Amino acid sequence: METLTVLESKISVLLGLVKKLKAENTGLKKECGRLKTESAQLAQEKTQLGADNAVLKEDVKRLTKKLETTQESVQANDKSLDLLSQEKEETKVFIDDLIKDIDSLVKSENQQ
């Protein structure tokens, strides 16, 4: 009889463990389902971010090329501006010399 009581108590403990494990298993299945859903969402987000990244890379390439073109244009304009400044200086010297020559001629004419 005592053996039956011990056996009954062990069976009772085992049934309790089975119920506990079933409850834990149900919780884990729910968690697994939630994680699968989250994983699918993250994979979709990763795909979208990859596509966005590709678009941004193309934009960077396009803007870099535009910047290079603009820099080349600015350099060309700087060269033109330097040339113009040089020509302006040469013209100023030429006009100064011309004015001196005219003044000399006028003086020479006035002295005669």
N, C-alpha and C. Protein backbone atom coordinates (compact mmCIF):
# COMPACT_ATOMS: atom_id res chain seq x y z
N MET A 1 0.81 -1.18 0.00
CA MET A 1 0.00 0.00 0.00
C MET A 1 0.86 1.26 0.00
N GLU A 2 1.88 1.18 0.80
CA GLU A 2 2.78 2.32 0.88
C GLU A 2 3.45 2.53 -0.47
N THR A 3 3.75 1.49 -1.17
CA THR A 3 4.37 1.59 -2.47
C THR A 3 3.42 2.27 -3.44
N LEU A 4 2.14 1.98 -3.33
CA LEU A 4 1.16 2.64 -4.21
C LEU A 4 1.07 4.13 -3.91
N THR A 5 1.18 4.50 -2.70
CA THR A 5 1.11 5.91 -2.31
C THR A 5 2.33 6.64 -2.87
N VAL A 6 3.48 6.02 -2.74
CA VAL A 6 4.70 6.63 -3.27
C VAL A 6 4.60 6.73 -4.79
N LEU A 7 4.11 5.66 -5.42
CA LEU A 7 3.95 5.66 -6.87
C LEU A 7 2.94 6.71 -7.29
N GLU A 8 1.86 6.82 -6.55
CA GLU A 8 0.83 7.81 -6.85
C GLU A 8 1.40 9.22 -6.73
N SER A 9 2.20 9.46 -5.72
CA SER A 9 2.77 10.79 -5.53
C SER A 9 3.78 11.10 -6.63
N LYS A 10 4.55 10.11 -7.08
CA LYS A 10 5.51 10.34 -8.16
C LYS A 10 4.77 10.61 -9.47
N ILE A 11 3.68 9.89 -9.70
CA ILE A 11 2.87 10.12 -10.90
C ILE A 11 2.28 11.52 -10.85
N SER A 12 1.85 11.92 -9.68
CA SER A 12 1.28 13.25 -9.50
C SER A 12 2.33 14.33 -9.81
N VAL A 13 3.55 14.11 -9.33
CA VAL A 13 4.65 15.05 -9.59
C VAL A 13 4.95 15.07 -11.08
N LEU A 14 4.98 13.91 -11.72
CA LEU A 14 5.25 13.83 -13.16
C LEU A 14 4.16 14.54 -13.96
N LEU A 15 2.90 14.37 -13.57
CA LEU A 15 1.80 15.05 -14.25
C LEU A 15 1.94 16.57 -14.10
N GLY A 16 2.34 16.99 -12.93
CA GLY A 16 2.58 18.43 -12.71
C GLY A 16 3.69 18.94 -13.62
N LEU A 17 4.76 18.18 -13.72
CA LEU A 17 5.87 18.57 -14.61
C LEU A 17 5.43 18.60 -16.06
N VAL A 18 4.63 17.61 -16.47
CA VAL A 18 4.13 17.57 -17.85
C VAL A 18 3.28 18.80 -18.13
N LYS A 19 2.38 19.16 -17.20
CA LYS A 19 1.54 20.35 -17.38
C LYS A 19 2.40 21.60 -17.47
N LYS A 20 3.41 21.68 -16.60
CA LYS A 20 4.31 22.84 -16.60
C LYS A 20 5.07 22.91 -17.92
N LEU A 21 5.59 21.79 -18.39
CA LEU A 21 6.33 21.76 -19.66
C LEU A 21 5.43 22.08 -20.84
N LYS A 22 4.15 21.62 -20.81
CA LYS A 22 3.22 21.96 -21.88
C LYS A 22 2.96 23.46 -21.91
N ALA A 23 2.77 24.04 -20.75
CA ALA A 23 2.54 25.49 -20.67
C ALA A 23 3.76 26.25 -21.18
N GLU A 24 4.95 25.78 -20.75
CA GLU A 24 6.19 26.41 -21.20
C GLU A 24 6.36 26.25 -22.70
N ASN A 25 6.03 25.08 -23.22
CA ASN A 25 6.13 24.80 -24.65
C ASN A 25 5.18 25.72 -25.43
N THR A 26 3.97 25.91 -24.94
CA THR A 26 3.01 26.82 -25.59
C THR A 26 3.57 28.24 -25.64
N GLY A 27 4.13 28.68 -24.52
CA GLY A 27 4.75 30.01 -24.47
C GLY A 27 5.89 30.14 -25.46
N LEU A 28 6.72 29.11 -25.52
CA LEU A 28 7.86 29.13 -26.44
C LEU A 28 7.40 29.12 -27.90
N LYS A 29 6.32 28.37 -28.18
CA LYS A 29 5.78 28.37 -29.55
C LYS A 29 5.28 29.76 -29.94
N LYS A 30 4.61 30.42 -29.00
CA LYS A 30 4.14 31.79 -29.27
C LYS A 30 5.33 32.72 -29.51
N GLU A 31 6.36 32.60 -28.66
CA GLU A 31 7.56 33.42 -28.80
C GLU A 31 8.25 33.14 -30.13
N CYS A 32 8.33 31.87 -30.52
CA CYS A 32 8.94 31.48 -31.79
C CYS A 32 8.16 32.09 -32.96
N GLY A 33 6.83 32.05 -32.88
CA GLY A 33 6.00 32.65 -33.94
C GLY A 33 6.23 34.15 -34.03
N ARG A 34 6.31 34.82 -32.87
CA ARG A 34 6.55 36.26 -32.85
C ARG A 34 7.93 36.57 -33.44
N LEU A 35 8.93 35.78 -33.09
CA LEU A 35 10.28 36.00 -33.60
C LEU A 35 10.36 35.75 -35.11
N LYS A 36 9.61 34.75 -35.60
CA LYS A 36 9.59 34.50 -37.04
C LYS A 36 8.98 35.68 -37.78
N THR A 37 7.89 36.22 -37.23
CA THR A 37 7.24 37.39 -37.83
C THR A 37 8.19 38.58 -37.83
N GLU A 38 8.85 38.79 -36.70
CA GLU A 38 9.80 39.90 -36.59
C GLU A 38 10.97 39.71 -37.56
N SER A 39 11.43 38.48 -37.69
CA SER A 39 12.52 38.17 -38.61
C SER A 39 12.11 38.46 -40.05
N ALA A 40 10.90 38.09 -40.40
CA ALA A 40 10.41 38.35 -41.77
C ALA A 40 10.32 39.86 -42.01
N GLN A 41 9.84 40.61 -41.00
CA GLN A 41 9.74 42.06 -41.15
C GLN A 41 11.13 42.68 -41.29
N LEU A 42 12.08 42.19 -40.50
CA LEU A 42 13.44 42.72 -40.59
C LEU A 42 14.09 42.39 -41.94
N ALA A 43 13.80 41.20 -42.46
CA ALA A 43 14.33 40.83 -43.78
C ALA A 43 13.76 41.75 -44.85
N GLN A 44 12.46 42.04 -44.74
CA GLN A 44 11.82 42.93 -45.70
C GLN A 44 12.41 44.35 -45.58
N GLU A 45 12.63 44.79 -44.35
CA GLU A 45 13.21 46.11 -44.12
C GLU A 45 14.64 46.17 -44.66
N LYS A 46 15.38 45.07 -44.49
CA LYS A 46 16.75 45.01 -45.01
C LYS A 46 16.74 45.13 -46.53
N THR A 47 15.81 44.44 -47.17
CA THR A 47 15.70 44.51 -48.63
C THR A 47 15.39 45.94 -49.07
N GLN A 48 14.46 46.59 -48.37
CA GLN A 48 14.10 47.97 -48.71
C GLN A 48 15.29 48.90 -48.49
N LEU A 49 16.01 48.71 -47.38
CA LEU A 49 17.18 49.55 -47.11
C LEU A 49 18.26 49.34 -48.17
N GLY A 50 18.40 48.09 -48.64
CA GLY A 50 19.36 47.83 -49.71
C GLY A 50 18.99 48.58 -50.98
N ALA A 51 17.70 48.58 -51.30
CA ALA A 51 17.24 49.31 -52.49
C ALA A 51 17.46 50.81 -52.30
N ASP A 52 17.13 51.32 -51.10
CA ASP A 52 17.34 52.75 -50.82
C ASP A 52 18.82 53.10 -50.91
N ASN A 53 19.66 52.21 -50.40
CA ASN A 53 21.10 52.44 -50.43
C ASN A 53 21.61 52.51 -51.87
N ALA A 54 21.09 51.64 -52.73
CA ALA A 54 21.50 51.65 -54.15
C ALA A 54 21.11 52.98 -54.80
N VAL A 55 19.91 53.46 -54.49
CA VAL A 55 19.45 54.75 -55.05
C VAL A 55 20.35 55.87 -54.56
N LEU A 56 20.68 55.83 -53.26
CA LEU A 56 21.53 56.88 -52.69
C LEU A 56 22.94 56.84 -53.29
N LYS A 57 23.46 55.64 -53.55
CA LYS A 57 24.77 55.54 -54.17
C LYS A 57 24.76 56.17 -55.55
N GLU A 58 23.69 55.93 -56.31
CA GLU A 58 23.58 56.54 -57.64
C GLU A 58 23.50 58.06 -57.52
N ASP A 59 22.76 58.55 -56.52
CA ASP A 59 22.68 59.99 -56.30
C ASP A 59 24.05 60.57 -55.97
N VAL A 60 24.81 59.86 -55.14
CA VAL A 60 26.15 60.32 -54.77
C VAL A 60 27.04 60.37 -56.01
N LYS A 61 26.97 59.34 -56.85
CA LYS A 61 27.77 59.33 -58.07
C LYS A 61 27.39 60.51 -58.97
N ARG A 62 26.08 60.71 -59.13
CA ARG A 62 25.61 61.80 -59.99
C ARG A 62 26.05 63.16 -59.44
N LEU A 63 25.89 63.34 -58.12
CA LEU A 63 26.27 64.62 -57.51
C LEU A 63 27.79 64.83 -57.53
N THR A 64 28.54 63.74 -57.38
CA THR A 64 30.00 63.85 -57.44
C THR A 64 30.42 64.29 -58.83
N LYS A 65 29.81 63.70 -59.85
CA LYS A 65 30.14 64.08 -61.23
C LYS A 65 29.76 65.55 -61.48
N LYS A 66 28.60 65.94 -60.96
CA LYS A 66 28.16 67.33 -61.13
C LYS A 66 29.13 68.28 -60.42
N LEU A 67 29.58 67.88 -59.22
CA LEU A 67 30.53 68.70 -58.48
C LEU A 67 31.85 68.83 -59.23
N GLU A 68 32.32 67.72 -59.79
CA GLU A 68 33.56 67.76 -60.57
C GLU A 68 33.43 68.68 -61.77
N THR A 69 32.29 68.60 -62.45
CA THR A 69 32.04 69.47 -63.60
C THR A 69 32.02 70.93 -63.18
N THR A 70 31.37 71.19 -62.05
CA THR A 70 31.30 72.57 -61.53
C THR A 70 32.69 73.07 -61.15
N GLN A 71 33.48 72.21 -60.51
CA GLN A 71 34.84 72.61 -60.14
C GLN A 71 35.68 72.90 -61.38
N GLU A 72 35.54 72.08 -62.41
CA GLU A 72 36.27 72.33 -63.65
C GLU A 72 35.85 73.66 -64.26
N SER A 73 34.56 73.93 -64.21
CA SER A 73 34.05 75.19 -64.74
C SER A 73 34.59 76.38 -63.95
N VAL A 74 34.62 76.24 -62.63
CA VAL A 74 35.15 77.31 -61.78
C VAL A 74 36.63 77.55 -62.08
N GLN A 75 37.38 76.46 -62.25
CA GLN A 75 38.80 76.59 -62.57
C GLN A 75 38.99 77.29 -63.92
N ALA A 76 38.16 76.93 -64.88
CA ALA A 76 38.25 77.58 -66.20
C ALA A 76 37.92 79.06 -66.08
N ASN A 77 36.89 79.37 -65.27
CA ASN A 77 36.53 80.77 -65.06
C ASN A 77 37.63 81.53 -64.34
N ASP A 78 38.29 80.86 -63.37
CA ASP A 78 39.40 81.49 -62.67
C ASP A 78 40.54 81.82 -63.64
N LYS A 79 40.83 80.89 -64.54
CA LYS A 79 41.88 81.13 -65.53
C LYS A 79 41.50 82.31 -66.43
N SER A 80 40.22 82.32 -66.84
CA SER A 80 39.75 83.42 -67.69
C SER A 80 39.85 84.74 -66.94
N LEU A 81 39.50 84.73 -65.66
CA LEU A 81 39.55 85.93 -64.85
C LEU A 81 40.99 86.40 -64.68
N ASP A 82 41.90 85.46 -64.47
CA ASP A 82 43.32 85.83 -64.37
C ASP A 82 43.81 86.45 -65.67
N LEU A 83 43.42 85.85 -66.78
CA LEU A 83 43.82 86.37 -68.09
C LEU A 83 43.25 87.77 -68.30
N LEU A 84 41.99 87.93 -67.93
CA LEU A 84 41.36 89.25 -68.06
C LEU A 84 42.06 90.29 -67.18
N SER A 85 42.41 89.90 -65.96
CA SER A 85 43.12 90.83 -65.07
C SER A 85 44.47 91.21 -65.66
N GLN A 86 45.14 90.24 -66.23
CA GLN A 86 46.44 90.50 -66.85
C GLN A 86 46.27 91.45 -68.04
N GLU A 87 45.26 91.18 -68.88
CA GLU A 87 45.01 92.05 -70.03
C GLU A 87 44.62 93.45 -69.57
N LYS A 88 43.86 93.54 -68.50
CA LYS A 88 43.46 94.85 -67.96
C LYS A 88 44.69 95.62 -67.52
N GLU A 89 45.60 94.94 -66.83
CA GLU A 89 46.83 95.59 -66.36
C GLU A 89 47.67 96.05 -67.55
N GLU A 90 47.80 95.20 -68.57
CA GLU A 90 48.56 95.56 -69.76
C GLU A 90 47.92 96.75 -70.47
N THR A 91 46.60 96.75 -70.53
CA THR A 91 45.89 97.86 -71.18
C THR A 91 46.10 99.15 -70.40
N LYS A 92 46.08 99.04 -69.09
CA LYS A 92 46.29 100.22 -68.24
C LYS A 92 47.69 100.80 -68.48
N VAL A 93 48.70 99.92 -68.55
CA VAL A 93 50.07 100.37 -68.80
C VAL A 93 50.17 101.00 -70.19
N PHE A 94 49.52 100.37 -71.17
CA PHE A 94 49.54 100.92 -72.53
C PHE A 94 48.90 102.30 -72.58
N ILE A 95 47.76 102.45 -71.90
CA ILE A 95 47.06 103.76 -71.90
C ILE A 95 47.90 104.80 -71.18
N ASP A 96 48.54 104.41 -70.07
CA ASP A 96 49.42 105.35 -69.36
C ASP A 96 50.56 105.82 -70.27
N ASP A 97 51.15 104.86 -70.97
CA ASP A 97 52.23 105.22 -71.91
C ASP A 97 51.71 106.11 -73.02
N LEU A 98 50.51 105.82 -73.52
CA LEU A 98 49.92 106.63 -74.58
C LEU A 98 49.66 108.05 -74.09
N ILE A 99 49.16 108.17 -72.87
CA ILE A 99 48.90 109.51 -72.30
C ILE A 99 50.21 110.27 -72.15
N LYS A 100 51.26 109.60 -71.72
CA LYS A 100 52.58 110.24 -71.58
C LYS A 100 53.08 110.71 -72.95
N ASP A 101 52.90 109.85 -73.95
CA ASP A 101 53.34 110.23 -75.30
C ASP A 101 52.55 111.43 -75.81
N ILE A 102 51.25 111.44 -75.54
CA ILE A 102 50.41 112.57 -75.98
C ILE A 102 50.84 113.83 -75.24
N ASP A 103 51.08 113.70 -73.94
CA ASP A 103 51.54 114.87 -73.16
C ASP A 103 52.86 115.39 -73.71
N SER A 104 53.76 114.48 -74.05
CA SER A 104 55.04 114.90 -74.63
C SER A 104 54.85 115.60 -75.96
N LEU A 105 53.94 115.08 -76.78
CA LEU A 105 53.67 115.71 -78.06
C LEU A 105 53.07 117.10 -77.87
N VAL A 106 52.15 117.18 -76.93
CA VAL A 106 51.51 118.49 -76.69
C VAL A 106 52.55 119.48 -76.18
N LYS A 107 53.42 119.07 -75.30
CA LYS A 107 54.49 119.94 -74.80
C LYS A 107 55.41 120.38 -75.94
N SER A 108 55.70 119.40 -76.75
CA SER A 108 56.59 119.67 -77.87
C SER A 108 55.95 120.66 -78.83
N GLU A 109 54.66 120.51 -79.05
CA GLU A 109 53.92 121.42 -79.94
C GLU A 109 53.84 122.81 -79.32
N ASN A 110 53.64 122.86 -78.04
CA ASN A 110 53.51 124.14 -77.34
C ASN A 110 54.85 124.89 -77.31
N GLN A 111 55.92 124.17 -77.29
CA GLN A 111 57.24 124.81 -77.24
C GLN A 111 57.63 125.38 -78.60
N GLN A 112 57.08 124.87 -79.61
CA GLN A 112 57.46 125.35 -80.95
C GLN A 112 56.66 126.52 -81.28
